[in-house]
PDB file of N, CA and C in Angstrom:
ATOM      1  N   MET A   1     -20.585 -12.195 -30.971  1.00  0.00           N
ATOM      2  CA  MET A   1     -19.677 -12.390 -29.875  1.00  0.00           C
ATOM      3  C   MET A   1     -18.249 -12.156 -30.377  1.00  0.00           C
ATOM      4  N   VAL A   2     -17.455 -11.466 -29.556  1.00  0.00           N
ATOM      5  CA  VAL A   2     -16.077 -11.157 -29.908  1.00  0.00           C
ATOM      6  C   VAL A   2     -15.157 -11.923 -28.965  1.00  0.00           C
ATOM      7  N   THR A   3     -14.161 -12.569 -29.528  1.00  0.00           N
ATOM      8  CA  THR A   3     -13.191 -13.296 -28.717  1.00  0.00           C
ATOM      9  C   THR A   3     -11.845 -12.603 -28.834  1.00  0.00           C
ATOM     10  N   LEU A   4     -11.277 -12.272 -27.694  1.00  0.00           N
ATOM     11  CA  LEU A   4      -9.969 -11.637 -27.656  1.00  0.00           C
ATOM     12  C   LEU A   4      -8.960 -12.628 -27.111  1.00  0.00           C
ATOM     13  N   GLU A   5      -7.826 -12.689 -27.745  1.00  0.00           N
ATOM     14  CA  GLU A   5      -6.777 -13.580 -27.290  1.00  0.00           C
ATOM     15  C   GLU A   5      -5.679 -12.771 -26.612  1.00  0.00           C
ATOM     16  N   PHE A   6      -5.235 -13.247 -25.478  1.00  0.00           N
ATOM     17  CA  PHE A   6      -4.150 -12.614 -24.746  1.00  0.00           C
ATOM     18  C   PHE A   6      -3.064 -13.649 -24.506  1.00  0.00           C
ATOM     19  N   THR A   7      -1.854 -13.189 -24.655  1.00  0.00           N
ATOM     20  CA  THR A   7      -0.769 -14.089 -24.294  1.00  0.00           C
ATOM     21  C   THR A   7      -0.485 -13.894 -22.816  1.00  0.00           C
ATOM     22  N   ARG A   8      -0.355 -14.963 -22.121  1.00  0.00           N
ATOM     23  CA  ARG A   8      -0.185 -14.920 -20.673  1.00  0.00           C
ATOM     24  C   ARG A   8       1.102 -14.179 -20.278  1.00  0.00           C
ATOM     25  N   GLU A   9       2.198 -14.402 -20.973  1.00  0.00           N
ATOM     26  CA  GLU A   9       3.463 -13.767 -20.630  1.00  0.00           C
ATOM     27  C   GLU A   9       3.388 -12.246 -20.766  1.00  0.00           C
ATOM     28  N   ARG A  10       2.808 -11.789 -21.828  1.00  0.00           N
ATOM     29  CA  ARG A  10       2.729 -10.357 -22.077  1.00  0.00           C
ATOM     30  C   ARG A  10       1.856  -9.656 -21.034  1.00  0.00           C
ATOM     31  N   ALA A  11       0.726 -10.236 -20.716  1.00  0.00           N
ATOM     32  CA  ALA A  11      -0.166  -9.642 -19.728  1.00  0.00           C
ATOM     33  C   ALA A  11       0.496  -9.619 -18.361  1.00  0.00           C
ATOM     34  N   ALA A  12       1.170 -10.673 -17.990  1.00  0.00           N
ATOM     35  CA  ALA A  12       1.834 -10.729 -16.687  1.00  0.00           C
ATOM     36  C   ALA A  12       2.953  -9.706 -16.592  1.00  0.00           C
ATOM     37  N   ALA A  13       3.718  -9.525 -17.646  1.00  0.00           N
ATOM     38  CA  ALA A  13       4.820  -8.569 -17.632  1.00  0.00           C
ATOM     39  C   ALA A  13       4.317  -7.143 -17.468  1.00  0.00           C
ATOM     40  N   SER A  14       3.264  -6.794 -18.160  1.00  0.00           N
ATOM     41  CA  SER A  14       2.749  -5.427 -18.044  1.00  0.00           C
ATOM     42  C   SER A  14       2.112  -5.209 -16.685  1.00  0.00           C
ATOM     43  N   PHE A  15       1.514  -6.230 -16.103  1.00  0.00           N
ATOM     44  CA  PHE A  15       0.886  -6.110 -14.794  1.00  0.00           C
ATOM     45  C   PHE A  15       1.933  -5.832 -13.718  1.00  0.00           C
ATOM     46  N   ARG A  16       3.076  -6.491 -13.775  1.00  0.00           N
ATOM     47  CA  ARG A  16       4.126  -6.305 -12.786  1.00  0.00           C
ATOM     48  C   ARG A  16       4.755  -4.927 -12.863  1.00  0.00           C
ATOM     49  N   SER A  17       4.847  -4.370 -14.051  1.00  0.00           N
ATOM     50  CA  SER A  17       5.547  -3.098 -14.209  1.00  0.00           C
ATOM     51  C   SER A  17       4.684  -1.893 -13.841  1.00  0.00           C
ATOM     52  N   GLU A  18       3.389  -2.061 -13.771  1.00  0.00           N
ATOM     53  CA  GLU A  18       2.502  -0.935 -13.491  1.00  0.00           C
ATOM     54  C   GLU A  18       2.402  -0.666 -11.998  1.00  0.00           C
ATOM     55  N   MET A  19       2.464   0.592 -11.637  1.00  0.00           N
ATOM     56  CA  MET A  19       2.247   1.002 -10.260  1.00  0.00           C
ATOM     57  C   MET A  19       0.737   1.060 -10.040  1.00  0.00           C
ATOM     58  N   PRO A  20       0.267   0.550  -8.926  1.00  0.00           N
ATOM     59  CA  PRO A  20      -1.177   0.588  -8.699  1.00  0.00           C
ATOM     60  C   PRO A  20      -1.674   2.021  -8.580  1.00  0.00           C
ATOM     61  N   THR A  21      -2.897   2.234  -8.969  1.00  0.00           N
ATOM     62  CA  THR A  21      -3.504   3.544  -8.860  1.00  0.00           C
ATOM     63  C   THR A  21      -3.991   3.731  -7.431  1.00  0.00           C
ATOM     64  N   LEU A  22      -3.528   4.786  -6.800  1.00  0.00           N
ATOM     65  CA  LEU A  22      -3.920   5.081  -5.427  1.00  0.00           C
ATOM     66  C   LEU A  22      -4.761   6.348  -5.397  1.00  0.00           C
ATOM     67  N   THR A  23      -5.710   6.386  -4.474  1.00  0.00           N
ATOM     68  CA  THR A  23      -6.509   7.593  -4.287  1.00  0.00           C
ATOM     69  C   THR A  23      -5.656   8.644  -3.583  1.00  0.00           C
ATOM     70  N   GLU A  24      -6.140   9.864  -3.534  1.00  0.00           N
ATOM     71  CA  GLU A  24      -5.413  10.937  -2.858  1.00  0.00           C
ATOM     72  C   GLU A  24      -5.210  10.611  -1.379  1.00  0.00           C
ATOM     73  N   ASN A  25      -6.229  10.066  -0.712  1.00  0.00           N
ATOM     74  CA  ASN A  25      -6.092   9.709   0.693  1.00  0.00           C
ATOM     75  C   ASN A  25      -5.070   8.594   0.879  1.00  0.00           C
ATOM     76  N   GLU A  26      -5.063   7.620  -0.020  1.00  0.00           N
ATOM     77  CA  GLU A  26      -4.084   6.535   0.065  1.00  0.00           C
ATOM     78  C   GLU A  26      -2.669   7.075  -0.121  1.00  0.00           C
ATOM     79  N   LYS A  27      -2.504   8.015  -1.045  1.00  0.00           N
ATOM     80  CA  LYS A  27      -1.194   8.637  -1.262  1.00  0.00           C
ATOM     81  C   LYS A  27      -0.748   9.403  -0.028  1.00  0.00           C
ATOM     82  N   ARG A  28      -1.693  10.100   0.620  1.00  0.00           N
ATOM     83  CA  ARG A  28      -1.365  10.853   1.836  1.00  0.00           C
ATOM     84  C   ARG A  28      -0.905   9.916   2.944  1.00  0.00           C
ATOM     85  N   ILE A  29      -1.591   8.787   3.093  1.00  0.00           N
ATOM     86  CA  ILE A  29      -1.207   7.812   4.115  1.00  0.00           C
ATOM     87  C   ILE A  29       0.173   7.247   3.793  1.00  0.00           C
ATOM     88  N   LEU A  30       0.411   6.891   2.543  1.00  0.00           N
ATOM     89  CA  LEU A  30       1.701   6.338   2.131  1.00  0.00           C
ATOM     90  C   LEU A  30       2.832   7.347   2.360  1.00  0.00           C
ATOM     91  N   ASP A  31       2.597   8.602   2.008  1.00  0.00           N
ATOM     92  CA  ASP A  31       3.607   9.651   2.222  1.00  0.00           C
ATOM     93  C   ASP A  31       3.890   9.845   3.709  1.00  0.00           C
ATOM     94  N   THR A  32       2.844   9.785   4.533  1.00  0.00           N
ATOM     95  CA  THR A  32       3.026   9.924   5.976  1.00  0.00           C
ATOM     96  C   THR A  32       3.852   8.775   6.529  1.00  0.00           C
ATOM     97  N   LEU A  33       3.565   7.557   6.082  1.00  0.00           N
ATOM     98  CA  LEU A  33       4.350   6.399   6.528  1.00  0.00           C
ATOM     99  C   LEU A  33       5.802   6.515   6.094  1.00  0.00           C
ATOM    100  N   ARG A  34       6.023   7.074   4.918  1.00  0.00           N
ATOM    101  CA  ARG A  34       7.389   7.248   4.405  1.00  0.00           C
ATOM    102  C   ARG A  34       8.148   8.300   5.231  1.00  0.00           C
ATOM    103  N   LEU A  35       7.503   9.404   5.552  1.00  0.00           N
ATOM    104  CA  LEU A  35       8.151  10.489   6.288  1.00  0.00           C
ATOM    105  C   LEU A  35       8.256  10.227   7.787  1.00  0.00           C
ATOM    106  N   HIS A  36       7.281   9.489   8.328  1.00  0.00           N
ATOM    107  CA  HIS A  36       7.223   9.237   9.772  1.00  0.00           C
ATOM    108  C   HIS A  36       6.970   7.753  10.022  1.00  0.00           C
ATOM    109  N   PRO A  37       7.980   6.919   9.811  1.00  0.00           N
ATOM    110  CA  PRO A  37       7.778   5.472   9.930  1.00  0.00           C
ATOM    111  C   PRO A  37       7.415   5.007  11.338  1.00  0.00           C
ATOM    112  N   ASP A  38       7.626   5.844  12.339  1.00  0.00           N
ATOM    113  CA  ASP A  38       7.310   5.462  13.711  1.00  0.00           C
ATOM    114  C   ASP A  38       5.868   5.803  14.115  1.00  0.00           C
ATOM    115  N   TYR A  39       5.129   6.505  13.267  1.00  0.00           N
ATOM    116  CA  TYR A  39       3.744   6.873  13.589  1.00  0.00           C
ATOM    117  C   TYR A  39       2.858   5.641  13.652  1.00  0.00           C
ATOM    118  N   THR A  40       1.925   5.671  14.593  1.00  0.00           N
ATOM    119  CA  THR A  40       0.922   4.608  14.664  1.00  0.00           C
ATOM    120  C   THR A  40      -0.228   4.953  13.728  1.00  0.00           C
ATOM    121  N   LEU A  41      -1.044   3.960  13.435  1.00  0.00           N
ATOM    122  CA  LEU A  41      -2.206   4.213  12.578  1.00  0.00           C
ATOM    123  C   LEU A  41      -3.174   5.175  13.249  1.00  0.00           C
ATOM    124  N   THR A  42      -3.281   5.082  14.566  1.00  0.00           N
ATOM    125  CA  THR A  42      -4.152   5.999  15.313  1.00  0.00           C
ATOM    126  C   THR A  42      -3.661   7.434  15.183  1.00  0.00           C
ATOM    127  N   LYS A  43      -2.351   7.635  15.253  1.00  0.00           N
ATOM    128  CA  LYS A  43      -1.797   8.982  15.119  1.00  0.00           C
ATOM    129  C   LYS A  43      -2.004   9.523  13.712  1.00  0.00           C
ATOM    130  N   ILE A  44      -1.812   8.679  12.713  1.00  0.00           N
ATOM    131  CA  ILE A  44      -2.044   9.105  11.326  1.00  0.00           C
ATOM    132  C   ILE A  44      -3.502   9.507  11.146  1.00  0.00           C
ATOM    133  N   ALA A  45      -4.396   8.717  11.708  1.00  0.00           N
ATOM    134  CA  ALA A  45      -5.828   9.014  11.594  1.00  0.00           C
ATOM    135  C   ALA A  45      -6.169  10.348  12.253  1.00  0.00           C
ATOM    136  N   SER A  46      -5.654  10.565  13.446  1.00  0.00           N
ATOM    137  CA  SER A  46      -5.998  11.806  14.151  1.00  0.00           C
ATOM    138  C   SER A  46      -5.401  13.036  13.471  1.00  0.00           C
ATOM    139  N   LEU A  47      -4.207  12.919  12.921  1.00  0.00           N
ATOM    140  CA  LEU A  47      -3.582  14.062  12.236  1.00  0.00           C
ATOM    141  C   LEU A  47      -4.216  14.349  10.880  1.00  0.00           C
ATOM    142  N   SER A  48      -4.688  13.314  10.213  1.00  0.00           N
ATOM    143  CA  SER A  48      -5.227  13.488   8.865  1.00  0.00           C
ATOM    144  C   SER A  48      -6.717  13.784   8.836  1.00  0.00           C
ATOM    145  N   GLY A  49      -7.407  13.481   9.920  1.00  0.00           N
ATOM    146  CA  GLY A  49      -8.851  13.664   9.932  1.00  0.00           C
ATOM    147  C   GLY A  49      -9.603  12.474   9.360  1.00  0.00           C
ATOM    148  N   MET A  50      -8.884  11.422   9.001  1.00  0.00           N
ATOM    149  CA  MET A  50      -9.520  10.201   8.501  1.00  0.00           C
ATOM    150  C   MET A  50      -9.837   9.300   9.695  1.00  0.00           C
ATOM    151  N   SER A  51     -10.768   8.386   9.505  1.00  0.00           N
ATOM    152  CA  SER A  51     -11.100   7.486  10.600  1.00  0.00           C
ATOM    153  C   SER A  51     -10.003   6.446  10.794  1.00  0.00           C
ATOM    154  N   ARG A  52      -9.885   5.944  12.002  1.00  0.00           N
ATOM    155  CA  ARG A  52      -8.877   4.930  12.316  1.00  0.00           C
ATOM    156  C   ARG A  52      -9.131   3.666  11.497  1.00  0.00           C
ATOM    157  N   SER A  53     -10.400   3.303  11.323  1.00  0.00           N
ATOM    158  CA  SER A  53     -10.716   2.082  10.566  1.00  0.00           C
ATOM    159  C   SER A  53     -10.336   2.241   9.096  1.00  0.00           C
ATOM    160  N   TYR A  54     -10.539   3.430   8.528  1.00  0.00           N
ATOM    161  CA  TYR A  54     -10.159   3.667   7.129  1.00  0.00           C
ATOM    162  C   TYR A  54      -8.646   3.566   6.963  1.00  0.00           C
ATOM    163  N   VAL A  55      -7.901   4.183   7.867  1.00  0.00           N
ATOM    164  CA  VAL A  55      -6.441   4.138   7.791  1.00  0.00           C
ATOM    165  C   VAL A  55      -5.971   2.694   7.930  1.00  0.00           C
ATOM    166  N   GLY A  56      -6.553   1.949   8.865  1.00  0.00           N
ATOM    167  CA  GLY A  56      -6.173   0.554   9.054  1.00  0.00           C
ATOM    168  C   GLY A  56      -6.454  -0.304   7.838  1.00  0.00           C
ATOM    169  N   LYS A  57      -7.630  -0.142   7.245  1.00  0.00           N
ATOM    170  CA  LYS A  57      -7.980  -0.905   6.045  1.00  0.00           C
ATOM    171  C   LYS A  57      -7.077  -0.531   4.871  1.00  0.00           C
ATOM    172  N   THR A  58      -6.762   0.745   4.752  1.00  0.00           N
ATOM    173  CA  THR A  58      -5.915   1.208   3.662  1.00  0.00           C
ATOM    174  C   THR A  58      -4.500   0.657   3.799  1.00  0.00           C
ATOM    175  N   VAL A  59      -3.963   0.689   4.998  1.00  0.00           N
ATOM    176  CA  VAL A  59      -2.615   0.159   5.214  1.00  0.00           C
ATOM    177  C   VAL A  59      -2.602  -1.353   4.997  1.00  0.00           C
ATOM    178  N   SER A  60      -3.650  -2.029   5.423  1.00  0.00           N
ATOM    179  CA  SER A  60      -3.752  -3.474   5.183  1.00  0.00           C
ATOM    180  C   SER A  60      -3.748  -3.770   3.682  1.00  0.00           C
ATOM    181  N   LYS A  61      -4.483  -2.971   2.932  1.00  0.00           N
ATOM    182  CA  LYS A  61      -4.523  -3.103   1.472  1.00  0.00           C
ATOM    183  C   LYS A  61      -3.130  -2.886   0.881  1.00  0.00           C
ATOM    184  N   MET A  62      -2.424  -1.867   1.381  1.00  0.00           N
ATOM    185  CA  MET A  62      -1.079  -1.564   0.887  1.00  0.00           C
ATOM    186  C   MET A  62      -0.098  -2.673   1.245  1.00  0.00           C
ATOM    187  N   LYS A  63      -0.283  -3.300   2.404  1.00  0.00           N
ATOM    188  CA  LYS A  63       0.570  -4.429   2.777  1.00  0.00           C
ATOM    189  C   LYS A  63       0.362  -5.589   1.806  1.00  0.00           C
ATOM    190  N   LYS A  64      -0.883  -5.858   1.454  1.00  0.00           N
ATOM    191  CA  LYS A  64      -1.177  -6.937   0.502  1.00  0.00           C
ATOM    192  C   LYS A  64      -0.626  -6.625  -0.882  1.00  0.00           C
ATOM    193  N   MET A  65      -0.582  -5.342  -1.241  1.00  0.00           N
ATOM    194  CA  MET A  65      -0.041  -4.927  -2.530  1.00  0.00           C
ATOM    195  C   MET A  65       1.480  -4.933  -2.519  1.00  0.00           C
ATOM    196  N   GLY A  66       2.078  -5.050  -1.340  1.00  0.00           N
ATOM    197  CA  GLY A  66       3.527  -5.043  -1.233  1.00  0.00           C
ATOM    198  C   GLY A  66       4.134  -3.659  -1.172  1.00  0.00           C
ATOM    199  N   LEU A  67       3.345  -2.649  -0.864  1.00  0.00           N
ATOM    200  CA  LEU A  67       3.855  -1.275  -0.808  1.00  0.00           C
ATOM    201  C   LEU A  67       4.488  -0.938   0.536  1.00  0.00           C
ATOM    202  N   VAL A  68       3.964  -1.513   1.624  1.00  0.00           N
ATOM    203  CA  VAL A  68       4.489  -1.240   2.960  1.00  0.00           C
ATOM    204  C   VAL A  68       4.671  -2.546   3.722  1.00  0.00           C
ATOM    205  N   GLU A  69       5.521  -2.456   4.729  1.00  0.00           N
ATOM    206  CA  GLU A  69       5.784  -3.609   5.580  1.00  0.00           C
ATOM    207  C   GLU A  69       6.000  -3.106   6.997  1.00  0.00           C
ATOM    208  N   ARG A  70       5.512  -3.834   7.969  1.00  0.00           N
ATOM    209  CA  ARG A  70       5.726  -3.482   9.372  1.00  0.00           C
ATOM    210  C   ARG A  70       6.978  -4.198   9.848  1.00  0.00           C
ATOM    211  N   ILE A  71       7.916  -3.427  10.381  1.00  0.00           N
ATOM    212  CA  ILE A  71       9.152  -3.972  10.919  1.00  0.00           C
ATOM    213  C   ILE A  71       9.070  -3.891  12.441  1.00  0.00           C
ATOM    214  N   GLY A  72       9.186  -5.028  13.096  1.00  0.00           N
ATOM    215  CA  GLY A  72       9.135  -5.039  14.555  1.00  0.00           C
ATOM    216  C   GLY A  72       7.723  -5.199  15.075  1.00  0.00           C
ATOM    217  N   SER A  73       7.562  -4.912  16.352  1.00  0.00           N
ATOM    218  CA  SER A  73       6.270  -5.115  17.009  1.00  0.00           C
ATOM    219  C   SER A  73       5.300  -3.976  16.716  1.00  0.00           C
ATOM    220  N   ASN A  74       4.043  -4.211  17.050  1.00  0.00           N
ATOM    221  CA  ASN A  74       3.030  -3.173  16.847  1.00  0.00           C
ATOM    222  C   ASN A  74       3.294  -1.965  17.734  1.00  0.00           C
ATOM    223  N   LYS A  75       3.846  -2.187  18.908  1.00  0.00           N
ATOM    224  CA  LYS A  75       4.057  -1.097  19.852  1.00  0.00           C
ATOM    225  C   LYS A  75       5.328  -0.303  19.559  1.00  0.00           C
ATOM    226  N   SER A  76       6.432  -1.007  19.312  1.00  0.00           N
ATOM    227  CA  SER A  76       7.698  -0.289  19.159  1.00  0.00           C
ATOM    228  C   SER A  76       8.309  -0.417  17.761  1.00  0.00           C
ATOM    229  N   GLY A  77       7.559  -0.955  16.815  1.00  0.00           N
ATOM    230  CA  GLY A  77       8.072  -1.135  15.462  1.00  0.00           C
ATOM    231  C   GLY A  77       7.959   0.115  14.612  1.00  0.00           C
ATOM    232  N   SER A  78       8.255  -0.056  13.336  1.00  0.00           N
ATOM    233  CA  SER A  78       8.155   1.063  12.396  1.00  0.00           C
ATOM    234  C   SER A  78       7.700   0.534  11.039  1.00  0.00           C
ATOM    235  N   TRP A  79       7.359   1.461  10.167  1.00  0.00           N
ATOM    236  CA  TRP A  79       6.887   1.119   8.829  1.00  0.00           C
ATOM    237  C   TRP A  79       8.008   1.258   7.822  1.00  0.00           C
ATOM    238  N   ALA A  80       8.054   0.347   6.864  1.00  0.00           N
ATOM    239  CA  ALA A  80       9.001   0.431   5.761  1.00  0.00           C
ATOM    240  C   ALA A  80       8.194   0.540   4.472  1.00  0.00           C
ATOM    241  N   VAL A  81       8.369   1.647   3.757  1.00  0.00           N
ATOM    242  CA  VAL A  81       7.695   1.843   2.475  1.00  0.00           C
ATOM    243  C   VAL A  81       8.651   1.359   1.401  1.00  0.00           C
ATOM    244  N   LYS A  82       8.196   0.459   0.569  1.00  0.00           N
ATOM    245  CA  LYS A  82       9.052  -0.161  -0.432  1.00  0.00           C
ATOM    246  C   LYS A  82       9.110   0.684  -1.701  1.00  0.00           C
ATOM    247  N   ASP A  83      10.272   0.660  -2.346  1.00  0.00           N
ATOM    248  CA  ASP A  83      10.467   1.402  -3.589  1.00  0.00           C
ATOM    249  C   ASP A  83       9.797   0.716  -4.770  1.00  0.00           C
ATOM    250  N   ARG A  84       9.761  -0.606  -4.712  1.00  0.00           N
ATOM    251  CA  ARG A  84       9.106  -1.361  -5.778  1.00  0.00           C
ATOM    252  C   ARG A  84       8.084  -2.283  -5.163  1.00  0.00           C
ATOM    253  N   ILE A  85       7.177  -2.744  -5.978  1.00  0.00           N
ATOM    254  CA  ILE A  85       6.067  -3.565  -5.494  1.00  0.00           C
ATOM    255  C   ILE A  85       6.483  -5.026  -5.431  1.00  0.00           C
ATOM    256  N   ASP A  86       6.271  -5.630  -4.281  1.00  0.00           N
ATOM    257  CA  ASP A  86       6.431  -7.071  -4.123  1.00  0.00           C
ATOM    258  C   ASP A  86       5.028  -7.635  -3.939  1.00  0.00           C
ATOM    259  N   ARG A  87       4.484  -8.174  -4.990  1.00  0.00           N
ATOM    260  CA  ARG A  87       3.115  -8.677  -4.925  1.00  0.00           C
ATOM    261  C   ARG A  87       3.065  -9.984  -4.165  1.00  0.00           C
ATOM    262  N   LYS A  88       2.154 -10.028  -3.171  1.00  0.00           N
ATOM    263  CA  LYS A  88       1.927 -11.256  -2.419  1.00  0.00           C
ATOM    264  C   LYS A  88       0.777 -11.992  -3.049  1.00  0.00           C
ATOM    265  N   ARG A  89       0.881 -13.282  -3.081  1.00  0.00           N
ATOM    266  CA  ARG A  89      -0.194 -14.085  -3.697  1.00  0.00           C
ATOM    267  C   ARG A  89      -1.037 -14.711  -2.659  1.00  0.00           C
TER     268      ARG A  89
END
C-alpha cells in the first residue's frame, strides 16, 4: 500500500488557478453566450444542432462552475460570461 501526503493549501491553490476542461460543444455554447448574450437556450440549441436539454444542462453546469451568470429575467435578461472562475460551493 502506498500513502501519498498532500498539503491542503497547495492543492487548493492549484485547483483555483486551473481553468476547467471543457468539451468542444461546451466551448461552442460558451462562445455563443459570449458573442450573443441575449440568445435563449432554445435559440442556441436550434442554431447549433444540439438538443435543448443538452444546452440547458451544459449551461447549468457552467453556472455552477462560475463561468456564466444570468442577468435579469428569463424572458428579457441576458448572459454574462465571466473572465475568471467564481466557484460556488
